[in-house]
Amino acid sequence: MTATPPDPDPQRTPGLEPGGGVRPGDTPPESGQTSGLSHHEPKPPGRATTGIVIGIIVVVAVLVAAMFLVQAFLLV
């Protein structure tokens, strides 16, 4: 069994000129298309994951700030 081509048959499509073109002002016939996704979309991270990442960033920022404060007091 052969699959039908996705484009309409030019011999049976009204409004086409010889060679497959359309008259000025006409809309060309619609081609077949494949809809949907080719693969599953990944799920976005949950609230817990987002909270953990933000927490790690805050901890690192506090540690860096503490390091600069300690250095500033040791140099005085």
N, C-alpha and C. Protein backbone atom coordinates (compact mmCIF):
# COMPACT_ATOMS: atom_id res chain seq x y z
N MET A 1 0.84 -1.16 0.00
CA MET A 1 0.00 0.00 0.00
C MET A 1 0.90 1.24 0.00
N THR A 2 0.65 2.14 -0.90
CA THR A 2 1.42 3.38 -0.96
C THR A 2 0.64 4.50 -0.30
N ALA A 3 1.38 5.37 0.37
CA ALA A 3 0.75 6.52 1.01
C ALA A 3 0.46 7.59 -0.04
N THR A 4 -0.61 8.33 0.18
CA THR A 4 -0.94 9.40 -0.75
C THR A 4 0.00 10.57 -0.50
N PRO A 5 0.38 11.29 -1.54
CA PRO A 5 1.28 12.42 -1.34
C PRO A 5 0.58 13.52 -0.54
N PRO A 6 1.36 14.31 0.23
CA PRO A 6 0.73 15.33 1.07
C PRO A 6 0.18 16.51 0.27
N ASP A 7 0.70 16.77 -0.92
CA ASP A 7 0.24 17.89 -1.72
C ASP A 7 -0.95 17.47 -2.58
N PRO A 8 -1.85 18.40 -2.87
CA PRO A 8 -3.00 18.06 -3.72
C PRO A 8 -2.56 17.75 -5.15
N ASP A 9 -3.36 16.96 -5.83
CA ASP A 9 -3.06 16.60 -7.21
C ASP A 9 -3.26 17.82 -8.11
N PRO A 10 -2.22 18.28 -8.81
CA PRO A 10 -2.35 19.47 -9.65
C PRO A 10 -3.37 19.30 -10.77
N GLN A 11 -3.60 18.07 -11.22
CA GLN A 11 -4.54 17.83 -12.32
C GLN A 11 -5.99 18.05 -11.87
N ARG A 12 -6.27 17.84 -10.57
CA ARG A 12 -7.64 17.95 -10.08
C ARG A 12 -7.86 19.17 -9.19
N THR A 13 -6.87 20.02 -9.03
CA THR A 13 -7.01 21.19 -8.16
C THR A 13 -7.47 22.39 -8.99
N PRO A 14 -8.61 22.97 -8.65
CA PRO A 14 -9.09 24.11 -9.43
C PRO A 14 -8.23 25.36 -9.14
N GLY A 15 -8.08 26.20 -10.14
CA GLY A 15 -7.38 27.46 -9.98
C GLY A 15 -5.90 27.40 -10.29
N LEU A 16 -5.38 26.21 -10.63
CA LEU A 16 -3.96 26.12 -10.96
C LEU A 16 -3.75 26.31 -12.44
N GLU A 17 -2.70 27.03 -12.79
CA GLU A 17 -2.32 27.19 -14.20
C GLU A 17 -1.41 26.04 -14.58
N PRO A 18 -1.17 25.85 -15.87
CA PRO A 18 -0.22 24.81 -16.27
C PRO A 18 1.14 25.07 -15.62
N GLY A 19 1.76 24.03 -15.11
CA GLY A 19 3.03 24.17 -14.43
C GLY A 19 2.87 24.28 -12.93
N GLY A 20 1.64 24.36 -12.44
CA GLY A 20 1.39 24.36 -11.00
C GLY A 20 1.28 25.73 -10.37
N GLY A 21 1.39 26.82 -11.12
CA GLY A 21 1.26 28.15 -10.54
C GLY A 21 -0.18 28.53 -10.31
N VAL A 22 -0.40 29.62 -9.63
CA VAL A 22 -1.75 30.12 -9.40
C VAL A 22 -1.91 31.48 -10.05
N ARG A 23 -3.15 31.82 -10.35
CA ARG A 23 -3.42 33.12 -10.96
C ARG A 23 -3.18 34.22 -9.94
N PRO A 24 -2.80 35.41 -10.39
CA PRO A 24 -2.58 36.51 -9.45
C PRO A 24 -3.84 36.77 -8.62
N GLY A 25 -3.68 36.90 -7.32
CA GLY A 25 -4.80 37.13 -6.43
C GLY A 25 -5.39 35.87 -5.84
N ASP A 26 -5.08 34.71 -6.40
CA ASP A 26 -5.58 33.45 -5.86
C ASP A 26 -4.68 32.97 -4.72
N THR A 27 -5.26 32.20 -3.85
CA THR A 27 -4.49 31.59 -2.77
C THR A 27 -4.10 30.19 -3.22
N PRO A 28 -2.82 29.82 -3.10
CA PRO A 28 -2.44 28.47 -3.50
C PRO A 28 -3.10 27.42 -2.61
N PRO A 29 -3.29 26.21 -3.11
CA PRO A 29 -3.92 25.16 -2.30
C PRO A 29 -3.05 24.80 -1.11
N GLU A 30 -3.70 24.38 -0.07
CA GLU A 30 -2.98 24.04 1.15
C GLU A 30 -2.31 22.69 1.01
N SER A 31 -1.08 22.58 1.52
CA SER A 31 -0.37 21.31 1.52
C SER A 31 -0.69 20.56 2.79
N GLY A 32 -0.48 19.26 2.76
CA GLY A 32 -0.65 18.46 3.96
C GLY A 32 0.43 18.81 4.96
N GLN A 33 0.16 18.58 6.22
CA GLN A 33 1.15 18.89 7.24
C GLN A 33 1.05 17.87 8.36
N THR A 34 2.11 17.79 9.11
CA THR A 34 2.12 16.93 10.27
C THR A 34 2.03 17.83 11.49
N SER A 35 1.07 17.59 12.34
CA SER A 35 0.94 18.41 13.53
C SER A 35 1.37 17.62 14.75
N GLY A 36 1.66 18.31 15.79
CA GLY A 36 2.07 17.67 17.03
C GLY A 36 3.57 17.74 17.21
N LEU A 37 4.02 17.22 18.33
CA LEU A 37 5.44 17.25 18.67
C LEU A 37 6.12 15.98 18.21
N SER A 38 7.39 16.09 17.89
CA SER A 38 8.14 14.92 17.48
C SER A 38 8.68 14.16 18.69
N HIS A 39 8.76 14.81 19.85
CA HIS A 39 9.23 14.17 21.06
C HIS A 39 8.55 14.82 22.26
N HIS A 40 8.64 14.18 23.38
CA HIS A 40 7.99 14.70 24.58
C HIS A 40 8.75 15.91 25.10
N GLU A 41 8.01 16.91 25.55
CA GLU A 41 8.61 18.10 26.15
C GLU A 41 9.00 17.77 27.59
N PRO A 42 10.19 18.22 28.03
CA PRO A 42 10.56 17.96 29.42
C PRO A 42 9.70 18.79 30.37
N LYS A 43 9.44 18.24 31.55
CA LYS A 43 8.66 18.96 32.55
C LYS A 43 9.51 20.07 33.15
N PRO A 44 8.92 21.21 33.43
CA PRO A 44 9.68 22.27 34.10
C PRO A 44 10.01 21.85 35.53
N PRO A 45 11.08 22.40 36.10
CA PRO A 45 11.42 22.01 37.47
C PRO A 45 10.33 22.40 38.46
N GLY A 46 10.18 21.61 39.49
CA GLY A 46 9.14 21.87 40.48
C GLY A 46 9.52 22.99 41.43
N ARG A 47 8.62 23.31 42.33
CA ARG A 47 8.85 24.39 43.29
C ARG A 47 9.99 24.05 44.23
N ALA A 48 10.11 22.78 44.61
CA ALA A 48 11.17 22.38 45.55
C ALA A 48 12.54 22.59 44.91
N THR A 49 12.67 22.20 43.65
CA THR A 49 13.94 22.36 42.94
C THR A 49 14.30 23.83 42.82
N THR A 50 13.35 24.66 42.51
CA THR A 50 13.60 26.09 42.39
C THR A 50 14.02 26.67 43.73
N GLY A 51 13.37 26.26 44.81
CA GLY A 51 13.73 26.74 46.14
C GLY A 51 15.13 26.31 46.54
N ILE A 52 15.50 25.09 46.22
CA ILE A 52 16.84 24.59 46.55
C ILE A 52 17.90 25.38 45.80
N VAL A 53 17.69 25.64 44.53
CA VAL A 53 18.65 26.40 43.73
C VAL A 53 18.80 27.82 44.27
N ILE A 54 17.69 28.47 44.58
CA ILE A 54 17.75 29.83 45.13
C ILE A 54 18.45 29.80 46.49
N GLY A 55 18.19 28.81 47.30
CA GLY A 55 18.86 28.68 48.60
C GLY A 55 20.37 28.53 48.46
N ILE A 56 20.82 27.72 47.52
CA ILE A 56 22.25 27.54 47.28
C ILE A 56 22.88 28.86 46.84
N ILE A 57 22.21 29.59 45.97
CA ILE A 57 22.73 30.88 45.51
C ILE A 57 22.85 31.86 46.67
N VAL A 58 21.85 31.90 47.54
CA VAL A 58 21.89 32.80 48.70
C VAL A 58 23.03 32.42 49.64
N VAL A 59 23.21 31.13 49.91
CA VAL A 59 24.29 30.68 50.80
C VAL A 59 25.64 31.06 50.23
N VAL A 60 25.85 30.85 48.95
CA VAL A 60 27.13 31.21 48.32
C VAL A 60 27.34 32.72 48.39
N ALA A 61 26.30 33.51 48.15
CA ALA A 61 26.43 34.96 48.21
C ALA A 61 26.78 35.42 49.63
N VAL A 62 26.16 34.82 50.65
CA VAL A 62 26.47 35.18 52.04
C VAL A 62 27.91 34.80 52.38
N LEU A 63 28.37 33.64 51.94
CA LEU A 63 29.74 33.22 52.20
C LEU A 63 30.76 34.16 51.53
N VAL A 64 30.47 34.59 50.31
CA VAL A 64 31.37 35.52 49.62
C VAL A 64 31.38 36.86 50.35
N ALA A 65 30.21 37.34 50.77
CA ALA A 65 30.15 38.61 51.50
C ALA A 65 30.90 38.50 52.83
N ALA A 66 30.75 37.37 53.53
CA ALA A 66 31.46 37.16 54.79
C ALA A 66 32.96 37.14 54.56
N MET A 67 33.40 36.53 53.50
CA MET A 67 34.84 36.50 53.18
C MET A 67 35.38 37.91 53.00
N PHE A 68 34.65 38.76 52.27
CA PHE A 68 35.09 40.13 52.05
C PHE A 68 35.09 40.93 53.36
N LEU A 69 34.10 40.71 54.21
CA LEU A 69 34.06 41.41 55.50
C LEU A 69 35.23 41.00 56.40
N VAL A 70 35.52 39.71 56.44
CA VAL A 70 36.64 39.22 57.26
C VAL A 70 37.95 39.82 56.74
N GLN A 71 38.15 39.85 55.44
CA GLN A 71 39.36 40.42 54.87
C GLN A 71 39.45 41.91 55.18
N ALA A 72 38.34 42.62 55.13
CA ALA A 72 38.34 44.06 55.40
C ALA A 72 38.72 44.33 56.85
N PHE A 73 38.22 43.53 57.80
CA PHE A 73 38.56 43.73 59.21
C PHE A 73 39.99 43.29 59.52
N LEU A 74 40.52 42.32 58.81
CA LEU A 74 41.90 41.87 59.06
C LEU A 74 42.91 42.87 58.51
N LEU A 75 42.56 43.62 57.50
CA LEU A 75 43.48 44.59 56.92
C LEU A 75 43.52 45.89 57.69
N VAL A 76 42.57 46.12 58.55
CA VAL A 76 42.51 47.40 59.30
C VAL A 76 43.49 47.42 60.41
